[in-house]
Amino acid sequence: MAKEGPSQACAACKFQRRKCGANCLLAPYFPPDQPKLFENAHRLFGVSNILKTLSVIDPSLRSDAMRSILYESDLRARFPVEGCAGAIRQVANQVYSALEELASLNEQIRQVENVSFPAGDSDCDGDGDGGGAAISQLMKEIAAFAQNMYDGQLYLGPSSPAKTGNFDSSDVHLSTSNLLWVIFNPLPCSRPCFSLVKL
């Protein structure tokens, strides 16, 4: 049976030329193949301060503490002037921009919700004395026009429509005038109030 060789020292013990024991506090956080990770943390905090931090905090918090130490030391190595402060400021600016956009959208929602319609113009169901009656009448005329088109008739007037084959050109003027009224007279209601009409 081949004899197992000694376990490889962690990056921290290798840097300090020490023997890495089984109870080394730094071994879980500084793998032997990532010496730069330890060098950055050692340069910013120092080995003694890191060991002191790990020894005084609760063992369940060591992983979070080392994650913070490694992150801050890595950013300090990449950005020597600002370090993690630059990243924090960038995130803070993003949060501020998002809050500004949220406030703007909320203001737009309030403006839409507070839109007031003139008296009578918002009555779209035909029950009041506003524009509902005119719209109801218009819908009846549109339904009659569609029925006449379906029956092969071209008349919208109040009298009996001319049947196909007995077409009189004098019957067309009422239909034309009604259509022109629809085109040049805006609906009294400022909101869409369309409904299906059974033909």
Protein backbone atom coordinates (compact mmCIF):
# COMPACT_ATOMS: atom_id res chain seq x y z
CA MET A 1 0.00 0.00 0.00
CA ALA A 2 1.38 3.35 -1.02
CA LYS A 3 1.89 5.84 1.75
CA GLU A 4 -0.25 8.96 1.45
CA GLY A 5 1.71 12.17 1.19
CA PRO A 6 1.11 15.12 3.49
CA SER A 7 -1.88 17.33 2.66
CA GLN A 8 -1.03 20.46 0.72
CA ALA A 9 -0.79 23.62 2.81
CA CYS A 10 -3.38 26.34 2.31
CA ALA A 11 -2.36 29.55 0.57
CA ALA A 12 -2.08 31.38 3.91
CA CYS A 13 0.24 28.81 5.51
CA LYS A 14 2.24 28.45 2.32
CA PHE A 15 2.74 32.22 2.19
CA GLN A 16 3.95 32.23 5.80
CA ARG A 17 5.96 29.03 5.27
CA ARG A 18 4.12 27.31 8.08
CA LYS A 19 2.81 23.81 8.47
CA CYS A 20 -0.92 23.73 7.77
CA GLY A 21 -2.64 21.71 10.48
CA ALA A 22 -6.07 20.14 10.46
CA ASN A 23 -7.40 22.90 12.72
CA CYS A 24 -6.16 25.79 10.54
CA LEU A 25 -8.82 28.50 10.57
CA LEU A 26 -7.73 29.92 7.22
CA ALA A 27 -7.59 26.69 5.19
CA PRO A 28 -11.32 26.64 4.22
CA TYR A 29 -11.08 30.15 2.76
CA PHE A 30 -7.66 30.21 1.07
CA PRO A 31 -7.21 27.18 -1.23
CA PRO A 32 -3.59 26.27 -2.06
CA ASP A 33 -4.13 26.98 -5.77
CA GLN A 34 -5.31 30.59 -5.19
CA PRO A 35 -2.38 32.44 -3.59
CA LYS A 36 -3.54 35.82 -4.95
CA LEU A 37 -6.69 35.55 -2.87
CA PHE A 38 -4.67 35.42 0.33
CA GLU A 39 -2.19 38.08 -0.79
CA ASN A 40 -4.99 40.59 -1.36
CA ALA A 41 -6.58 39.89 2.02
CA HIS A 42 -3.22 39.94 3.79
CA ARG A 43 -2.27 43.25 2.17
CA LEU A 44 -5.49 44.97 3.22
CA PHE A 45 -6.24 43.40 6.63
CA GLY A 46 -3.20 41.42 7.75
CA VAL A 47 -3.15 37.78 8.85
CA SER A 48 -3.34 38.56 12.56
CA ASN A 49 -6.48 40.69 12.15
CA ILE A 50 -8.17 38.04 10.02
CA LEU A 51 -7.37 35.33 12.59
CA LYS A 52 -8.56 37.57 15.42
CA THR A 53 -11.85 38.20 13.61
CA LEU A 54 -12.42 34.49 12.99
CA SER A 55 -11.64 33.58 16.59
CA VAL A 56 -14.00 36.07 18.25
CA ILE A 57 -17.13 35.70 16.10
CA ASP A 58 -19.62 32.86 16.21
CA PRO A 59 -18.53 29.89 14.05
CA SER A 60 -21.80 30.09 12.10
CA LEU A 61 -20.86 33.62 10.99
CA ARG A 62 -17.30 32.87 9.89
CA SER A 63 -18.28 32.07 6.31
CA ASP A 64 -20.13 35.38 5.92
CA ALA A 65 -17.29 37.32 7.55
CA MET A 66 -14.69 35.78 5.25
CA ARG A 67 -16.88 36.37 2.22
CA SER A 68 -16.97 40.06 3.13
CA ILE A 69 -13.21 40.19 3.76
CA LEU A 70 -12.41 38.47 0.46
CA TYR A 71 -14.81 40.67 -1.51
CA GLU A 72 -13.49 43.90 -0.03
CA SER A 73 -9.84 42.91 -0.48
CA ASP A 74 -10.45 41.82 -4.08
CA LEU A 75 -12.10 45.14 -4.97
CA ARG A 76 -9.31 47.06 -3.24
CA ALA A 77 -6.77 45.18 -5.39
CA ARG A 78 -8.73 45.91 -8.57
CA PHE A 79 -9.60 49.52 -7.70
CA PRO A 80 -6.88 50.82 -5.35
CA VAL A 81 -8.39 54.30 -4.97
CA GLU A 82 -12.05 53.55 -4.23
CA GLY A 83 -12.12 49.85 -3.40
CA CYS A 84 -15.57 48.61 -2.46
CA ALA A 85 -16.78 52.19 -1.90
CA GLY A 86 -17.03 52.62 -5.67
CA ALA A 87 -19.20 49.53 -6.01
CA ILE A 88 -21.38 50.65 -3.10
CA ARG A 89 -21.81 54.09 -4.65
CA GLN A 90 -22.72 52.54 -8.02
CA VAL A 91 -25.40 50.37 -6.43
CA ALA A 92 -26.68 53.37 -4.43
CA ASN A 93 -26.98 55.39 -7.67
CA GLN A 94 -28.94 52.56 -9.29
CA VAL A 95 -31.29 52.40 -6.31
CA TYR A 96 -31.74 56.20 -6.40
CA SER A 97 -32.53 56.12 -10.15
CA ALA A 98 -35.02 53.29 -9.63
CA LEU A 99 -36.74 55.24 -6.82
CA GLU A 100 -36.94 58.35 -9.02
CA GLU A 101 -38.51 56.33 -11.83
CA LEU A 102 -40.95 54.74 -9.39
CA ALA A 103 -41.97 58.16 -8.05
CA SER A 104 -42.49 59.43 -11.62
CA LEU A 105 -44.65 56.43 -12.53
CA ASN A 106 -46.71 56.82 -9.35
CA GLU A 107 -47.29 60.49 -10.21
CA GLN A 108 -48.44 59.57 -13.71
CA ILE A 109 -50.82 56.99 -12.24
CA ARG A 110 -52.26 59.63 -9.89
CA GLN A 111 -52.76 62.04 -12.80
CA VAL A 112 -54.61 59.42 -14.82
CA GLU A 113 -56.79 58.45 -11.84
CA ASN A 114 -57.66 62.10 -11.11
CA VAL A 115 -58.79 62.97 -14.65
CA SER A 116 -62.24 64.55 -14.35
CA PHE A 117 -64.79 64.54 -17.16
CA PRO A 118 -67.16 67.49 -17.71
CA ALA A 119 -70.66 67.04 -16.34
CA GLY A 120 -72.79 65.03 -18.73
CA ASP A 121 -69.88 63.90 -20.90
CA SER A 122 -69.07 60.83 -18.82
CA ASP A 123 -72.59 59.41 -19.03
CA CYS A 124 -72.03 56.62 -21.53
CA ASP A 125 -74.73 54.16 -20.54
CA GLY A 126 -77.70 56.14 -21.83
CA ASP A 127 -79.38 56.29 -18.42
CA GLY A 128 -78.70 59.96 -17.70
CA ASP A 129 -79.34 63.19 -19.55
CA GLY A 130 -75.78 63.59 -20.86
CA GLY A 131 -74.27 62.22 -24.04
CA GLY A 132 -75.66 58.74 -23.48
CA ALA A 133 -78.89 59.47 -25.37
CA ALA A 134 -77.05 60.71 -28.45
CA ILE A 135 -74.77 57.69 -28.42
CA SER A 136 -77.73 55.37 -27.99
CA GLN A 137 -79.42 56.97 -30.99
CA LEU A 138 -76.22 56.72 -33.02
CA MET A 139 -75.86 53.04 -32.15
CA LYS A 140 -79.45 52.44 -33.33
CA GLU A 141 -78.69 54.13 -36.64
CA ILE A 142 -75.53 52.08 -37.09
CA ALA A 143 -77.47 48.89 -36.34
CA ALA A 144 -80.17 49.89 -38.83
CA PHE A 145 -77.53 50.67 -41.45
CA ALA A 146 -75.95 47.26 -40.95
CA GLN A 147 -79.37 45.55 -41.16
CA ASN A 148 -80.22 47.42 -44.36
CA MET A 149 -76.87 46.45 -45.88
CA TYR A 150 -77.56 42.84 -44.93
CA ASP A 151 -81.03 42.98 -46.53
CA GLY A 152 -79.67 44.61 -49.69
CA GLN A 153 -81.14 48.05 -48.87
CA LEU A 154 -79.39 51.42 -49.00
CA TYR A 155 -81.70 53.62 -46.96
CA LEU A 156 -81.37 54.97 -43.41
CA GLY A 157 -84.42 57.23 -43.37
CA PRO A 158 -87.51 56.91 -41.19
CA SER A 159 -89.88 55.82 -43.98
CA SER A 160 -90.10 52.42 -45.59
CA PRO A 161 -86.82 51.55 -47.32
CA ALA A 162 -86.71 50.82 -51.01
CA LYS A 163 -86.27 47.20 -51.89
CA THR A 164 -83.55 45.99 -54.19
CA GLY A 165 -84.64 46.35 -57.78
CA ASN A 166 -86.78 49.45 -57.04
CA PHE A 167 -83.85 51.75 -56.20
CA ASP A 168 -84.55 55.49 -56.21
CA SER A 169 -81.58 57.89 -56.06
CA SER A 170 -83.61 60.29 -53.91
CA ASP A 171 -83.47 57.71 -51.11
CA VAL A 172 -79.71 58.06 -50.72
CA HIS A 173 -79.43 61.65 -49.41
CA LEU A 174 -80.62 60.83 -45.90
CA SER A 175 -78.07 58.07 -45.62
CA THR A 176 -75.31 60.41 -46.79
CA SER A 177 -76.32 63.17 -44.40
CA ASN A 178 -76.36 60.77 -41.48
CA LEU A 179 -72.89 59.53 -42.32
CA LEU A 180 -71.58 63.10 -42.66
CA TRP A 181 -73.06 63.93 -39.25
CA VAL A 182 -71.11 61.04 -37.74
CA ILE A 183 -67.89 62.17 -39.42
CA PHE A 184 -68.02 65.88 -38.56
CA ASN A 185 -69.65 65.73 -35.11
CA PRO A 186 -67.47 64.22 -32.38
CA LEU A 187 -69.09 61.89 -29.94
CA PRO A 188 -70.26 63.72 -26.80
CA CYS A 189 -68.57 61.12 -24.63
CA SER A 190 -64.79 61.35 -24.36
CA ARG A 191 -64.40 57.69 -23.45
CA PRO A 192 -65.04 54.65 -25.68
CA CYS A 193 -68.50 53.25 -24.99
CA PHE A 194 -69.02 50.61 -27.66
CA SER A 195 -71.23 47.57 -27.26
CA LEU A 196 -72.31 44.72 -29.51
CA VAL A 197 -75.70 45.12 -31.16
CA LYS A 198 -77.69 42.06 -32.12
CA LEU A 199 -78.84 42.35 -35.71
